[in-house]
PDB file of all heavy atoms in Angstrom:
ATOM      1  N   LEU A   1    -134.785  93.775  21.390  1.00  0.00           N
ATOM      2  CA  LEU A   1    -135.152  95.172  21.536  1.00  0.00           C
ATOM      3  C   LEU A   1    -134.831  95.807  20.191  1.00  0.00           C
ATOM      4  O   LEU A   1    -133.668  95.995  19.839  1.00  0.00           O
ATOM      5  CB  LEU A   1    -134.362  95.844  22.651  1.00  0.00           C
ATOM      6  CG  LEU A   1    -134.632  95.341  24.060  1.00  0.00           C
ATOM      7  CD1 LEU A   1    -133.802  96.127  25.068  1.00  0.00           C
ATOM      8  CD2 LEU A   1    -136.102  95.445  24.403  1.00  0.00           C
ATOM      9  N   ALA A   2    -135.866  96.081  19.422  1.00  0.00           N
ATOM     10  CA  ALA A   2    -135.694  96.604  18.072  1.00  0.00           C
ATOM     11  C   ALA A   2    -135.660  98.122  18.085  1.00  0.00           C
ATOM     12  O   ALA A   2    -136.403  98.765  18.824  1.00  0.00           O
ATOM     13  CB  ALA A   2    -136.832  96.121  17.181  1.00  0.00           C
ATOM     14  N   TYR A   3    -134.785  98.679  17.240  1.00  0.00           N
ATOM     15  CA  TYR A   3    -134.727 100.126  17.057  1.00  0.00           C
ATOM     16  C   TYR A   3    -134.944 100.507  15.606  1.00  0.00           C
ATOM     17  O   TYR A   3    -135.017 101.685  15.263  1.00  0.00           O
ATOM     18  CB  TYR A   3    -133.407 100.709  17.572  1.00  0.00           C
ATOM     19  CG  TYR A   3    -132.173  99.979  17.087  1.00  0.00           C
ATOM     20  CD1 TYR A   3    -131.681 100.174  15.805  1.00  0.00           C
ATOM     21  CD2 TYR A   3    -131.508  99.097  17.917  1.00  0.00           C
ATOM     22  CE1 TYR A   3    -130.559  99.503  15.358  1.00  0.00           C
ATOM     23  CE2 TYR A   3    -130.387  98.420  17.487  1.00  0.00           C
ATOM     24  CZ  TYR A   3    -129.913  98.631  16.206  1.00  0.00           C
ATOM     25  OH  TYR A   3    -128.802  97.953  15.768  1.00  0.00           O
ATOM     26  N   ALA A   4    -135.070  99.494  14.718  1.00  0.00           N
ATOM     27  CA  ALA A   4    -135.293  99.750  13.299  1.00  0.00           C
ATOM     28  C   ALA A   4    -136.225  98.686  12.734  1.00  0.00           C
ATOM     29  O   ALA A   4    -136.315  97.570  13.259  1.00  0.00           O
ATOM     30  CB  ALA A   4    -133.965  99.735  12.544  1.00  0.00           C
ATOM     31  N   VAL A   5    -136.921  99.048  11.661  1.00  0.00           N
ATOM     32  CA  VAL A   5    -137.801  98.117  10.967  1.00  0.00           C
ATOM     33  C   VAL A   5    -137.704  98.389   9.472  1.00  0.00           C
ATOM     34  O   VAL A   5    -137.690  99.548   9.053  1.00  0.00           O
ATOM     35  CB  VAL A   5    -139.257  98.210  11.478  1.00  0.00           C
ATOM     36  CG1 VAL A   5    -139.864  99.577  11.230  1.00  0.00           C
ATOM     37  CG2 VAL A   5    -140.122  97.123  10.870  1.00  0.00           C
ATOM     38  N   ASP A   6    -137.591  97.319   8.713  1.00  0.00           N
ATOM     39  CA  ASP A   6    -137.535  97.409   7.250  1.00  0.00           C
ATOM     40  C   ASP A   6    -136.503  98.425   6.759  1.00  0.00           C
ATOM     41  O   ASP A   6    -136.739  99.169   5.812  1.00  0.00           O
ATOM     42  CB  ASP A   6    -138.918  97.726   6.680  1.00  0.00           C
ATOM     43  CG  ASP A   6    -139.931  96.643   7.004  1.00  0.00           C
ATOM     44  OD1 ASP A   6    -139.529  95.464   7.149  1.00  0.00           O
ATOM     45  OD2 ASP A   6    -141.125  96.966   7.132  1.00  0.00           O
ATOM     46  N   GLY A   7    -135.364  98.483   7.422  1.00  0.00           N
ATOM     47  CA  GLY A   7    -134.251  99.322   6.987  1.00  0.00           C
ATOM     48  C   GLY A   7    -134.267 100.759   7.473  1.00  0.00           C
ATOM     49  O   GLY A   7    -133.359 101.527   7.176  1.00  0.00           O
ATOM     50  N   GLY A   8    -135.271 101.164   8.240  1.00  0.00           N
ATOM     51  CA  GLY A   8    -135.327 102.526   8.768  1.00  0.00           C
ATOM     52  C   GLY A   8    -135.648 102.508  10.250  1.00  0.00           C
ATOM     53  O   GLY A   8    -136.092 101.494  10.784  1.00  0.00           O
ATOM     54  N   LEU A   9    -135.421 103.619  10.910  1.00  0.00           N
ATOM     55  CA  LEU A   9    -135.728 103.703  12.331  1.00  0.00           C
ATOM     56  C   LEU A   9    -137.217 103.495  12.563  1.00  0.00           C
ATOM     57  O   LEU A   9    -138.034 103.756  11.678  1.00  0.00           O
ATOM     58  CB  LEU A   9    -135.300 105.062  12.892  1.00  0.00           C
ATOM     59  CG  LEU A   9    -133.802 105.343  12.897  1.00  0.00           C
ATOM     60  CD1 LEU A   9    -133.542 106.754  13.421  1.00  0.00           C
ATOM     61  CD2 LEU A   9    -133.058 104.315  13.721  1.00  0.00           C
ATOM     62  N   LEU A  10    -137.574 103.021  13.738  1.00  0.00           N
ATOM     63  CA  LEU A  10    -138.985 102.841  14.088  1.00  0.00           C
ATOM     64  C   LEU A  10    -139.708 104.178  14.043  1.00  0.00           C
ATOM     65  O   LEU A  10    -139.144 105.215  14.415  1.00  0.00           O
ATOM     66  CB  LEU A  10    -139.116 102.255  15.493  1.00  0.00           C
ATOM     67  CG  LEU A  10    -138.654 100.819  15.686  1.00  0.00           C
ATOM     68  CD1 LEU A  10    -138.634 100.472  17.169  1.00  0.00           C
ATOM     69  CD2 LEU A  10    -139.548  99.854  14.934  1.00  0.00           C
ATOM     70  N   ARG A  11    -140.959 104.153  13.607  1.00  0.00           N
ATOM     71  CA  ARG A  11    -141.792 105.359  13.634  1.00  0.00           C
ATOM     72  C   ARG A  11    -142.049 105.753  15.085  1.00  0.00           C
ATOM     73  O   ARG A  11    -141.942 104.935  16.000  1.00  0.00           O
ATOM     74  CB  ARG A  11    -143.128 105.093  12.932  1.00  0.00           C
ATOM     75  CG  ARG A  11    -143.028 104.750  11.474  1.00  0.00           C
ATOM     76  CD  ARG A  11    -144.422 104.585  10.854  1.00  0.00           C
ATOM     77  NE  ARG A  11    -145.383 103.959  11.754  1.00  0.00           N
ATOM     78  CZ  ARG A  11    -145.821 102.696  11.650  1.00  0.00           C
ATOM     79  NH1 ARG A  11    -145.379 101.923  10.682  1.00  0.00           N
ATOM     80  NH2 ARG A  11    -146.714 102.224  12.503  1.00  0.00           N
ATOM     81  N   ALA A  12    -142.451 106.985  15.286  1.00  0.00           N
ATOM     82  CA  ALA A  12    -142.709 107.501  16.638  1.00  0.00           C
ATOM     83  C   ALA A  12    -143.770 106.685  17.364  1.00  0.00           C
ATOM     84  O   ALA A  12    -143.703 106.531  18.584  1.00  0.00           O
ATOM     85  CB  ALA A  12    -143.120 108.966  16.581  1.00  0.00           C
ATOM     86  N   ASP A  13    -144.741 106.116  16.632  1.00  0.00           N
ATOM     87  CA  ASP A  13    -145.791 105.349  17.302  1.00  0.00           C
ATOM     88  C   ASP A  13    -145.362 103.927  17.647  1.00  0.00           C
ATOM     89  O   ASP A  13    -146.123 103.178  18.239  1.00  0.00           O
ATOM     90  CB  ASP A  13    -147.073 105.322  16.459  1.00  0.00           C
ATOM     91  CG  ASP A  13    -146.906 104.607  15.129  1.00  0.00           C
ATOM     92  OD1 ASP A  13    -145.769 104.500  14.630  1.00  0.00           O
ATOM     93  OD2 ASP A  13    -147.930 104.161  14.571  1.00  0.00           O
ATOM     94  N   GLU A  14    -144.117 103.563  17.284  1.00  0.00           N
ATOM     95  CA  GLU A  14    -143.587 102.239  17.621  1.00  0.00           C
ATOM     96  C   GLU A  14    -142.359 102.308  18.523  1.00  0.00           C
ATOM     97  O   GLU A  14    -142.099 101.380  19.268  1.00  0.00           O
ATOM     98  CB  GLU A  14    -143.163 101.494  16.349  1.00  0.00           C
ATOM     99  CG  GLU A  14    -144.260 100.912  15.544  1.00  0.00           C
ATOM    100  CD  GLU A  14    -143.706  99.962  14.505  1.00  0.00           C
ATOM    101  OE1 GLU A  14    -143.306 100.440  13.438  1.00  0.00           O
ATOM    102  OE2 GLU A  14    -143.665  98.754  14.788  1.00  0.00           O
ATOM    103  N   GLY A  15    -141.573 103.353  18.422  1.00  0.00           N
ATOM    104  CA  GLY A  15    -140.279 103.391  19.082  1.00  0.00           C
ATOM    105  C   GLY A  15    -140.129 104.544  20.044  1.00  0.00           C
ATOM    106  O   GLY A  15    -141.111 105.154  20.420  1.00  0.00           O
ATOM    107  N   PRO A  16    -138.931 104.826  20.466  1.00  0.00           N
ATOM    108  CA  PRO A  16    -137.682 104.461  19.789  1.00  0.00           C
ATOM    109  C   PRO A  16    -137.255 103.004  19.961  1.00  0.00           C
ATOM    110  O   PRO A  16    -136.445 102.510  19.206  1.00  0.00           O
ATOM    111  CB  PRO A  16    -136.644 105.394  20.401  1.00  0.00           C
ATOM    112  CG  PRO A  16    -137.167 105.698  21.770  1.00  0.00           C
ATOM    113  CD  PRO A  16    -138.673 105.661  21.645  1.00  0.00           C
ATOM    114  N   LEU A  17    -137.800 102.303  20.959  1.00  0.00           N
ATOM    115  CA  LEU A  17    -137.509 100.874  21.120  1.00  0.00           C
ATOM    116  C   LEU A  17    -138.807 100.093  21.150  1.00  0.00           C
ATOM    117  O   LEU A  17    -139.809 100.555  21.692  1.00  0.00           O
ATOM    118  CB  LEU A  17    -136.743 100.598  22.422  1.00  0.00           C
ATOM    119  CG  LEU A  17    -135.298 101.037  22.488  1.00  0.00           C
ATOM    120  CD1 LEU A  17    -134.736 100.751  23.882  1.00  0.00           C
ATOM    121  CD2 LEU A  17    -134.459 100.346  21.440  1.00  0.00           C
ATOM    122  N   ARG A  18    -138.738  98.894  20.590  1.00  0.00           N
ATOM    123  CA  ARG A  18    -139.897  97.997  20.613  1.00  0.00           C
ATOM    124  C   ARG A  18    -139.410  96.608  20.978  1.00  0.00           C
ATOM    125  O   ARG A  18    -138.437  96.107  20.397  1.00  0.00           O
ATOM    126  CB  ARG A  18    -140.561  97.966  19.244  1.00  0.00           C
ATOM    127  CG  ARG A  18    -141.745  97.014  19.179  1.00  0.00           C
ATOM    128  CD  ARG A  18    -142.407  97.052  17.824  1.00  0.00           C
ATOM    129  NE  ARG A  18    -143.548  96.141  17.814  1.00  0.00           N
ATOM    130  CZ  ARG A  18    -144.493  96.147  16.905  1.00  0.00           C
ATOM    131  NH1 ARG A  18    -144.447  97.009  15.904  1.00  0.00           N
ATOM    132  NH2 ARG A  18    -145.477  95.289  16.968  1.00  0.00           N
ATOM    133  N   LEU A  19    -140.054  96.003  21.950  1.00  0.00           N
ATOM    134  CA  LEU A  19    -139.775  94.611  22.273  1.00  0.00           C
ATOM    135  C   LEU A  19    -140.502  93.759  21.246  1.00  0.00           C
ATOM    136  O   LEU A  19    -141.700  93.926  21.042  1.00  0.00           O
ATOM    137  CB  LEU A  19    -140.274  94.267  23.671  1.00  0.00           C
ATOM    138  CG  LEU A  19    -140.225  92.786  24.035  1.00  0.00           C
ATOM    139  CD1 LEU A  19    -138.785  92.309  24.157  1.00  0.00           C
ATOM    140  CD2 LEU A  19    -140.990  92.524  25.309  1.00  0.00           C
ATOM    141  N   VAL A  20    -139.770  92.881  20.582  1.00  0.00           N
ATOM    142  CA  VAL A  20    -140.354  91.981  19.595  1.00  0.00           C
ATOM    143  C   VAL A  20    -139.923  90.561  19.937  1.00  0.00           C
ATOM    144  O   VAL A  20    -138.735  90.303  20.142  1.00  0.00           O
ATOM    145  CB  VAL A  20    -139.895  92.328  18.157  1.00  0.00           C
ATOM    146  CG1 VAL A  20    -140.508  91.381  17.143  1.00  0.00           C
ATOM    147  CG2 VAL A  20    -140.231  93.770  17.818  1.00  0.00           C
ATOM    148  N   VAL A  21    -140.887  89.660  20.016  1.00  0.00           N
ATOM    149  CA  VAL A  21    -140.609  88.245  20.239  1.00  0.00           C
ATOM    150  C   VAL A  21    -141.277  87.497  19.089  1.00  0.00           C
ATOM    151  O   VAL A  21    -142.493  87.411  19.022  1.00  0.00           O
ATOM    152  CB  VAL A  21    -141.136  87.736  21.593  1.00  0.00           C
ATOM    153  CG1 VAL A  21    -140.752  86.281  21.797  1.00  0.00           C
ATOM    154  CG2 VAL A  21    -140.616  88.597  22.737  1.00  0.00           C
ATOM    155  N   ALA A  22    -140.456  87.005  18.162  1.00  0.00           N
ATOM    156  CA  ALA A  22    -140.989  86.333  16.980  1.00  0.00           C
ATOM    157  C   ALA A  22    -141.791  85.098  17.387  1.00  0.00           C
ATOM    158  O   ALA A  22    -141.498  84.451  18.391  1.00  0.00           O
ATOM    159  CB  ALA A  22    -139.857  85.943  16.048  1.00  0.00           C
ATOM    160  N   ASP A  23    -142.795  84.793  16.597  1.00  0.00           N
ATOM    161  CA  ASP A  23    -143.640  83.609  16.821  1.00  0.00           C
ATOM    162  C   ASP A  23    -144.292  83.606  18.197  1.00  0.00           C
ATOM    163  O   ASP A  23    -144.593  82.546  18.737  1.00  0.00           O
ATOM    164  CB  ASP A  23    -142.839  82.319  16.611  1.00  0.00           C
ATOM    165  CG  ASP A  23    -142.328  82.202  15.186  1.00  0.00           C
ATOM    166  OD1 ASP A  23    -143.048  82.614  14.259  1.00  0.00           O
ATOM    167  OD2 ASP A  23    -141.209  81.711  15.009  1.00  0.00           O
ATOM    168  N   ALA A  24    -144.475  84.780  18.785  1.00  0.00           N
ATOM    169  CA  ALA A  24    -145.157  84.882  20.078  1.00  0.00           C
ATOM    170  C   ALA A  24    -146.101  86.084  20.038  1.00  0.00           C
ATOM    171  O   ALA A  24    -145.829  87.112  20.647  1.00  0.00           O
ATOM    172  CB  ALA A  24    -144.140  85.020  21.204  1.00  0.00           C
ATOM    173  N   PRO A  25    -147.194  85.961  19.294  1.00  0.00           N
ATOM    174  CA  PRO A  25    -148.136  87.076  19.199  1.00  0.00           C
ATOM    175  C   PRO A  25    -148.556  87.561  20.594  1.00  0.00           C
ATOM    176  O   PRO A  25    -148.760  86.781  21.505  1.00  0.00           O
ATOM    177  CB  PRO A  25    -149.332  86.473  18.452  1.00  0.00           C
ATOM    178  CG  PRO A  25    -148.761  85.316  17.700  1.00  0.00           C
ATOM    179  CD  PRO A  25    -147.654  84.781  18.566  1.00  0.00           C
ATOM    180  N   GLY A  26    -148.644  88.857  20.721  1.00  0.00           N
ATOM    181  CA  GLY A  26    -149.061  89.439  21.993  1.00  0.00           C
ATOM    182  C   GLY A  26    -147.912  89.819  22.900  1.00  0.00           C
ATOM    183  O   GLY A  26    -148.119  90.506  23.886  1.00  0.00           O
ATOM    184  N   LEU A  27    -146.691  89.381  22.586  1.00  0.00           N
ATOM    185  CA  LEU A  27    -145.563  89.733  23.455  1.00  0.00           C
ATOM    186  C   LEU A  27    -144.828  90.984  22.972  1.00  0.00           C
ATOM    187  O   LEU A  27    -143.931  91.459  23.632  1.00  0.00           O
ATOM    188  CB  LEU A  27    -144.565  88.590  23.569  1.00  0.00           C
ATOM    189  CG  LEU A  27    -144.995  87.422  24.461  1.00  0.00           C
ATOM    190  CD1 LEU A  27    -143.864  86.419  24.597  1.00  0.00           C
ATOM    191  CD2 LEU A  27    -145.414  87.903  25.846  1.00  0.00           C
ATOM    192  N   SER A  28    -145.200  91.513  21.833  1.00  0.00           N
ATOM    193  CA  SER A  28    -144.565  92.718  21.329  1.00  0.00           C
ATOM    194  C   SER A  28    -145.064  93.925  22.117  1.00  0.00           C
ATOM    195  O   SER A  28    -146.260  94.071  22.346  1.00  0.00           O
ATOM    196  CB  SER A  28    -144.875  92.897  19.837  1.00  0.00           C
ATOM    197  OG  SER A  28    -144.274  94.061  19.349  1.00  0.00           O
ATOM    198  N   VAL A  29    -144.130  94.775  22.546  1.00  0.00           N
ATOM    199  CA  VAL A  29    -144.487  95.987  23.292  1.00  0.00           C
ATOM    200  C   VAL A  29    -143.884  97.172  22.566  1.00  0.00           C
ATOM    201  O   VAL A  29    -142.668  97.296  22.464  1.00  0.00           O
ATOM    202  CB  VAL A  29    -143.981  95.939  24.755  1.00  0.00           C
ATOM    203  CG1 VAL A  29    -144.333  97.229  25.485  1.00  0.00           C
ATOM    204  CG2 VAL A  29    -144.573  94.730  25.480  1.00  0.00           C
TER     205      VAL A  29
END
């Protein structure tokens, strides 16, 4: 459950939380 990307908080169109599953395209929410 990601709350930051590239050293900053997620943008409004991605967060505040984003589910990320590496090497599993399509599972990111």
